[in-house]
Amino acid sequence: MTDNNYFTHFGLEPGFNIDEGQLKKKFLELSRTYHPDFHTHLSEEEQTDVLELSSYTNLAFKTLKNKDARMKYLLGLHKVDFAEGNQFLPQEFLMEMMDFNEKLMEAQMDMDEKVVSELKEELKDIENGLLGEVQELMDGYEASKISEADLKKLKDYYFKKKYLLRIHENLDKFANAN
């Protein structure tokens, strides 16, 4: 099995922003290299090793091609704690989301598609604002230079983004119900 992390497995510099074309190209190359059908002549132990590398390659690709999964993975490389119960969001953000959810519930009860559409735009603005707070950290990421405070900001962003995803899902349910 490989002792590399997902980024080095694909020959990529660790980062929040990666060359997705290079990722895909390397994935296809590694998939051919480690495909079990090309190694049937090997011993059972060697076939098991190739199968593990193939599985590792698939999992690494699935993780790195998804921006949110990549962010969580990269933060995990820095030992950021994602354990249940350690997902505290700032009170100010939660209050803002409580107000937003109340407006959403009112719009859904009134079946007001115009207000829901406006809320979708407001949600996009919130997301863009949150991204703006960490974009520079993500763009200028260097593993050896990132501070604990910056890691906390990125972790908070990750959980806020996940929270907003649930709101998106509620908005989508409403849109599909009509």
C-alpha atoms as a PDB file:
ATOM      1  CA  MET A   1       0.000   0.000   0.000  1.00  0.00           C
ATOM      2  CA  THR A   2       1.087   3.559  -0.535  1.00  0.00           C
ATOM      3  CA  ASP A   3       2.124   5.828   2.307  1.00  0.00           C
ATOM      4  CA  ASN A   4       1.543   8.924   0.184  1.00  0.00           C
ATOM      5  CA  ASN A   5      -1.284  11.289   0.780  1.00  0.00           C
ATOM      6  CA  TYR A   6      -3.835  11.741  -1.976  1.00  0.00           C
ATOM      7  CA  PHE A   7      -2.103  14.762  -3.438  1.00  0.00           C
ATOM      8  CA  THR A   8       1.301  13.134  -3.786  1.00  0.00           C
ATOM      9  CA  HIS A   9      -0.359   9.967  -5.114  1.00  0.00           C
ATOM     10  CA  PHE A  10      -1.512  12.090  -8.062  1.00  0.00           C
ATOM     11  CA  GLY A  11       1.670  14.177  -8.279  1.00  0.00           C
ATOM     12  CA  LEU A  12      -0.148  17.329  -7.173  1.00  0.00           C
ATOM     13  CA  GLU A  13       0.880  20.041  -4.783  1.00  0.00           C
ATOM     14  CA  PRO A  14      -1.460  20.015  -1.790  1.00  0.00           C
ATOM     15  CA  GLY A  15      -3.949  22.826  -2.061  1.00  0.00           C
ATOM     16  CA  PHE A  16      -7.552  23.891  -1.979  1.00  0.00           C
ATOM     17  CA  ASN A  17      -7.334  24.749  -5.669  1.00  0.00           C
ATOM     18  CA  ILE A  18      -5.826  22.108  -7.921  1.00  0.00           C
ATOM     19  CA  ASP A  19      -5.399  21.492 -11.636  1.00  0.00           C
ATOM     20  CA  GLU A  20      -8.441  19.291 -12.200  1.00  0.00           C
ATOM     21  CA  GLY A  21      -7.281  18.404 -15.724  1.00  0.00           C
ATOM     22  CA  GLN A  22      -4.006  17.075 -14.336  1.00  0.00           C
ATOM     23  CA  LEU A  23      -5.941  15.193 -11.645  1.00  0.00           C
ATOM     24  CA  LYS A  24      -8.124  13.470 -14.223  1.00  0.00           C
ATOM     25  CA  LYS A  25      -5.195  12.685 -16.516  1.00  0.00           C
ATOM     26  CA  LYS A  26      -3.199  11.126 -13.665  1.00  0.00           C
ATOM     27  CA  PHE A  27      -6.293   9.237 -12.450  1.00  0.00           C
ATOM     28  CA  LEU A  28      -6.742   7.612 -15.853  1.00  0.00           C
ATOM     29  CA  GLU A  29      -3.052   6.726 -15.947  1.00  0.00           C
ATOM     30  CA  LEU A  30      -3.104   5.204 -12.441  1.00  0.00           C
ATOM     31  CA  SER A  31      -6.385   3.413 -13.130  1.00  0.00           C
ATOM     32  CA  ARG A  32      -4.787   1.623 -16.063  1.00  0.00           C
ATOM     33  CA  THR A  33      -1.651   0.909 -14.057  1.00  0.00           C
ATOM     34  CA  TYR A  34      -3.489  -0.598 -11.095  1.00  0.00           C
ATOM     35  CA  HIS A  35      -6.473  -2.157 -12.831  1.00  0.00           C
ATOM     36  CA  PRO A  36      -6.786  -5.698 -11.442  1.00  0.00           C
ATOM     37  CA  ASP A  37      -7.544  -7.193 -14.875  1.00  0.00           C
ATOM     38  CA  PHE A  38      -3.993  -6.359 -16.000  1.00  0.00           C
ATOM     39  CA  HIS A  39      -2.436  -8.228 -13.084  1.00  0.00           C
ATOM     40  CA  THR A  40      -4.047 -11.662 -13.179  1.00  0.00           C
ATOM     41  CA  HIS A  41      -0.620 -13.244 -13.734  1.00  0.00           C
ATOM     42  CA  LEU A  42       0.632 -12.040 -10.333  1.00  0.00           C
ATOM     43  CA  SER A  43       0.564 -13.999  -7.106  1.00  0.00           C
ATOM     44  CA  GLU A  44      -2.530 -13.731  -4.928  1.00  0.00           C
ATOM     45  CA  GLU A  45      -0.690 -11.437  -2.497  1.00  0.00           C
ATOM     46  CA  GLU A  46       0.486  -9.156  -5.298  1.00  0.00           C
ATOM     47  CA  GLN A  47      -3.028  -9.093  -6.776  1.00  0.00           C
ATOM     48  CA  THR A  48      -4.343  -8.037  -3.375  1.00  0.00           C
ATOM     49  CA  ASP A  49      -1.779  -5.218  -3.274  1.00  0.00           C
ATOM     50  CA  VAL A  50      -2.790  -4.044  -6.758  1.00  0.00           C
ATOM     51  CA  LEU A  51      -6.462  -4.179  -5.785  1.00  0.00           C
ATOM     52  CA  GLU A  52      -5.729  -2.040  -2.707  1.00  0.00           C
ATOM     53  CA  LEU A  53      -3.849   0.481  -4.861  1.00  0.00           C
ATOM     54  CA  SER A  54      -6.741   0.553  -7.316  1.00  0.00           C
ATOM     55  CA  SER A  55      -9.202   1.183  -4.488  1.00  0.00           C
ATOM     56  CA  TYR A  56      -6.914   3.830  -2.969  1.00  0.00           C
ATOM     57  CA  THR A  57      -6.649   5.560  -6.349  1.00  0.00           C
ATOM     58  CA  ASN A  58     -10.437   5.605  -6.766  1.00  0.00           C
ATOM     59  CA  LEU A  59     -11.024   6.959  -3.252  1.00  0.00           C
ATOM     60  CA  ALA A  60      -8.303   9.583  -3.649  1.00  0.00           C
ATOM     61  CA  PHE A  61      -9.755  10.724  -6.971  1.00  0.00           C
ATOM     62  CA  LYS A  62     -13.297  10.878  -5.592  1.00  0.00           C
ATOM     63  CA  THR A  63     -12.035  12.991  -2.681  1.00  0.00           C
ATOM     64  CA  LEU A  64      -9.838  15.377  -4.642  1.00  0.00           C
ATOM     65  CA  LYS A  65     -12.303  16.038  -7.472  1.00  0.00           C
ATOM     66  CA  ASN A  66     -14.911  17.290  -4.974  1.00  0.00           C
ATOM     67  CA  LYS A  67     -13.991  20.730  -3.595  1.00  0.00           C
ATOM     68  CA  ASP A  68     -15.680  20.175  -0.230  1.00  0.00           C
ATOM     69  CA  ALA A  69     -14.215  16.696   0.249  1.00  0.00           C
ATOM     70  CA  ARG A  70     -10.811  18.041  -0.818  1.00  0.00           C
ATOM     71  CA  MET A  71     -11.068  20.848   1.744  1.00  0.00           C
ATOM     72  CA  LYS A  72     -11.972  18.443   4.542  1.00  0.00           C
ATOM     73  CA  TYR A  73      -9.161  16.088   3.513  1.00  0.00           C
ATOM     74  CA  LEU A  74      -6.595  18.877   3.346  1.00  0.00           C
ATOM     75  CA  LEU A  75      -7.635  20.245   6.725  1.00  0.00           C
ATOM     76  CA  GLY A  76      -7.437  16.692   8.057  1.00  0.00           C
ATOM     77  CA  LEU A  77      -3.803  16.549   6.929  1.00  0.00           C
ATOM     78  CA  HIS A  78      -3.276  19.438   9.359  1.00  0.00           C
ATOM     79  CA  LYS A  79      -4.966  17.419  12.121  1.00  0.00           C
ATOM     80  CA  VAL A  80      -8.045  19.659  12.166  1.00  0.00           C
ATOM     81  CA  ASP A  81     -10.607  17.905  14.353  1.00  0.00           C
ATOM     82  CA  PHE A  82     -13.866  17.013  12.607  1.00  0.00           C
ATOM     83  CA  ALA A  83     -15.160  14.759  15.372  1.00  0.00           C
ATOM     84  CA  GLU A  84     -18.841  14.939  16.227  1.00  0.00           C
ATOM     85  CA  GLY A  85     -19.411  17.637  18.819  1.00  0.00           C
ATOM     86  CA  ASN A  86     -16.467  19.741  17.627  1.00  0.00           C
ATOM     87  CA  GLN A  87     -18.444  21.474  14.915  1.00  0.00           C
ATOM     88  CA  PHE A  88     -19.217  24.748  16.633  1.00  0.00           C
ATOM     89  CA  LEU A  89     -20.423  27.571  14.464  1.00  0.00           C
ATOM     90  CA  PRO A  90     -20.163  31.199  15.547  1.00  0.00           C
ATOM     91  CA  GLN A  91     -23.276  32.471  17.321  1.00  0.00           C
ATOM     92  CA  GLU A  92     -23.556  35.431  14.949  1.00  0.00           C
ATOM     93  CA  PHE A  93     -23.741  33.086  11.941  1.00  0.00           C
ATOM     94  CA  LEU A  94     -26.342  30.891  13.641  1.00  0.00           C
ATOM     95  CA  MET A  95     -28.507  33.908  14.449  1.00  0.00           C
ATOM     96  CA  GLU A  96     -28.285  35.085  10.838  1.00  0.00           C
ATOM     97  CA  MET A  97     -29.281  31.611   9.661  1.00  0.00           C
ATOM     98  CA  MET A  98     -32.164  31.477  12.134  1.00  0.00           C
ATOM     99  CA  ASP A  99     -33.538  34.698  10.627  1.00  0.00           C
ATOM    100  CA  PHE A 100     -33.006  33.330   7.128  1.00  0.00           C
ATOM    101  CA  ASN A 101     -34.769  30.043   7.967  1.00  0.00           C
ATOM    102  CA  GLU A 102     -37.732  31.943   9.417  1.00  0.00           C
ATOM    103  CA  LYS A 103     -38.090  33.908   6.167  1.00  0.00           C
ATOM    104  CA  LEU A 104     -37.832  30.660   4.216  1.00  0.00           C
ATOM    105  CA  MET A 105     -40.516  28.949   6.300  1.00  0.00           C
ATOM    106  CA  GLU A 106     -42.852  31.929   5.850  1.00  0.00           C
ATOM    107  CA  ALA A 107     -42.307  31.878   2.089  1.00  0.00           C
ATOM    108  CA  GLN A 108     -42.944  28.146   1.962  1.00  0.00           C
ATOM    109  CA  MET A 109     -46.142  28.428   4.010  1.00  0.00           C
ATOM    110  CA  ASP A 110     -47.380  31.257   1.772  1.00  0.00           C
ATOM    111  CA  MET A 111     -46.272  29.286  -1.317  1.00  0.00           C
ATOM    112  CA  ASP A 112     -44.540  32.475  -2.488  1.00  0.00           C
ATOM    113  CA  GLU A 113     -42.138  31.442  -5.230  1.00  0.00           C
ATOM    114  CA  LYS A 114     -40.965  35.024  -5.783  1.00  0.00           C
ATOM    115  CA  VAL A 115     -39.778  35.320  -2.177  1.00  0.00           C
ATOM    116  CA  VAL A 116     -38.121  31.890  -2.390  1.00  0.00           C
ATOM    117  CA  SER A 117     -36.301  33.045  -5.516  1.00  0.00           C
ATOM    118  CA  GLU A 118     -35.150  36.157  -3.659  1.00  0.00           C
ATOM    119  CA  LEU A 119     -33.986  33.977  -0.768  1.00  0.00           C
ATOM    120  CA  LYS A 120     -31.955  31.864  -3.176  1.00  0.00           C
ATOM    121  CA  GLU A 121     -30.192  35.021  -4.333  1.00  0.00           C
ATOM    122  CA  GLU A 122     -29.647  36.090  -0.720  1.00  0.00           C
ATOM    123  CA  LEU A 123     -28.195  32.663   0.028  1.00  0.00           C
ATOM    124  CA  LYS A 124     -25.783  32.990  -2.904  1.00  0.00           C
ATOM    125  CA  ASP A 125     -24.704  36.374  -1.548  1.00  0.00           C
ATOM    126  CA  ILE A 126     -24.097  34.842   1.884  1.00  0.00           C
ATOM    127  CA  GLU A 127     -22.040  32.048   0.315  1.00  0.00           C
ATOM    128  CA  ASN A 128     -20.011  34.490  -1.750  1.00  0.00           C
ATOM    129  CA  GLY A 129     -19.365  36.598   1.343  1.00  0.00           C
ATOM    130  CA  LEU A 130     -18.174  33.575   3.290  1.00  0.00           C
ATOM    131  CA  LEU A 131     -15.930  32.504   0.433  1.00  0.00           C
ATOM    132  CA  GLY A 132     -14.534  36.026   0.208  1.00  0.00           C
ATOM    133  CA  GLU A 133     -13.416  35.741   3.836  1.00  0.00           C
ATOM    134  CA  VAL A 134     -11.202  32.718   3.092  1.00  0.00           C
ATOM    135  CA  GLN A 135     -10.453  32.958  -0.638  1.00  0.00           C
ATOM    136  CA  GLU A 136      -7.044  34.513  -0.084  1.00  0.00           C
ATOM    137  CA  LEU A 137      -6.114  31.752   2.379  1.00  0.00           C
ATOM    138  CA  MET A 138      -7.199  29.107  -0.099  1.00  0.00           C
ATOM    139  CA  ASP A 139      -5.462  30.694  -3.072  1.00  0.00           C
ATOM    140  CA  GLY A 140      -2.196  31.319  -1.215  1.00  0.00           C
ATOM    141  CA  TYR A 141      -2.143  28.022   0.677  1.00  0.00           C
ATOM    142  CA  GLU A 142       1.271  26.724   1.674  1.00  0.00           C
ATOM    143  CA  ALA A 143       1.242  23.789   4.084  1.00  0.00           C
ATOM    144  CA  SER A 144       4.304  24.914   6.009  1.00  0.00           C
ATOM    145  CA  LYS A 145       3.095  28.493   6.475  1.00  0.00           C
ATOM    146  CA  ILE A 146      -0.545  28.122   7.466  1.00  0.00           C
ATOM    147  CA  SER A 147      -1.344  29.200  11.011  1.00  0.00           C
ATOM    148  CA  GLU A 148      -3.700  27.621  13.537  1.00  0.00           C
ATOM    149  CA  ALA A 149      -5.908  30.717  13.286  1.00  0.00           C
ATOM    150  CA  ASP A 150      -6.122  30.303   9.507  1.00  0.00           C
ATOM    151  CA  LEU A 151      -6.951  26.611   9.876  1.00  0.00           C
ATOM    152  CA  LYS A 152      -9.762  27.562  12.271  1.00  0.00           C
ATOM    153  CA  LYS A 153     -11.123  30.090   9.750  1.00  0.00           C
ATOM    154  CA  LEU A 154     -11.085  27.427   7.053  1.00  0.00           C
ATOM    155  CA  LYS A 155     -12.747  24.879   9.334  1.00  0.00           C
ATOM    156  CA  ASP A 156     -15.464  27.396  10.215  1.00  0.00           C
ATOM    157  CA  TYR A 157     -15.954  28.107   6.526  1.00  0.00           C
ATOM    158  CA  TYR A 158     -16.252  24.380   5.815  1.00  0.00           C
ATOM    159  CA  PHE A 159     -18.992  23.919   8.440  1.00  0.00           C
ATOM    160  CA  LYS A 160     -20.829  27.090   7.451  1.00  0.00           C
ATOM    161  CA  LYS A 161     -20.812  25.861   3.880  1.00  0.00           C
ATOM    162  CA  LYS A 162     -22.219  22.499   4.974  1.00  0.00           C
ATOM    163  CA  TYR A 163     -24.932  24.302   6.931  1.00  0.00           C
ATOM    164  CA  LEU A 164     -25.843  26.344   3.858  1.00  0.00           C
ATOM    165  CA  LEU A 165     -25.996  23.164   1.794  1.00  0.00           C
ATOM    166  CA  ARG A 166     -28.849  21.943   4.008  1.00  0.00           C
ATOM    167  CA  ILE A 167     -30.685  25.211   3.382  1.00  0.00           C
ATOM    168  CA  HIS A 168     -30.152  24.745  -0.361  1.00  0.00           C
ATOM    169  CA  GLU A 169     -31.674  21.295  -0.067  1.00  0.00           C
ATOM    170  CA  ASN A 170     -34.749  22.774   1.652  1.00  0.00           C
ATOM    171  CA  LEU A 171     -35.067  25.383  -1.089  1.00  0.00           C
ATOM    172  CA  ASP A 172     -34.773  22.687  -3.746  1.00  0.00           C
ATOM    173  CA  LYS A 173     -37.468  20.577  -2.049  1.00  0.00           C
ATOM    174  CA  PHE A 174     -39.792  23.568  -2.092  1.00  0.00           C
ATOM    175  CA  ALA A 175     -39.052  24.279  -5.753  1.00  0.00           C
ATOM    176  CA  ASN A 176     -39.653  20.633  -6.712  1.00  0.00           C
ATOM    177  CA  ALA A 177     -42.882  20.450  -4.725  1.00  0.00           C
ATOM    178  CA  ASN A 178     -44.423  23.199  -6.846  1.00  0.00           C
END
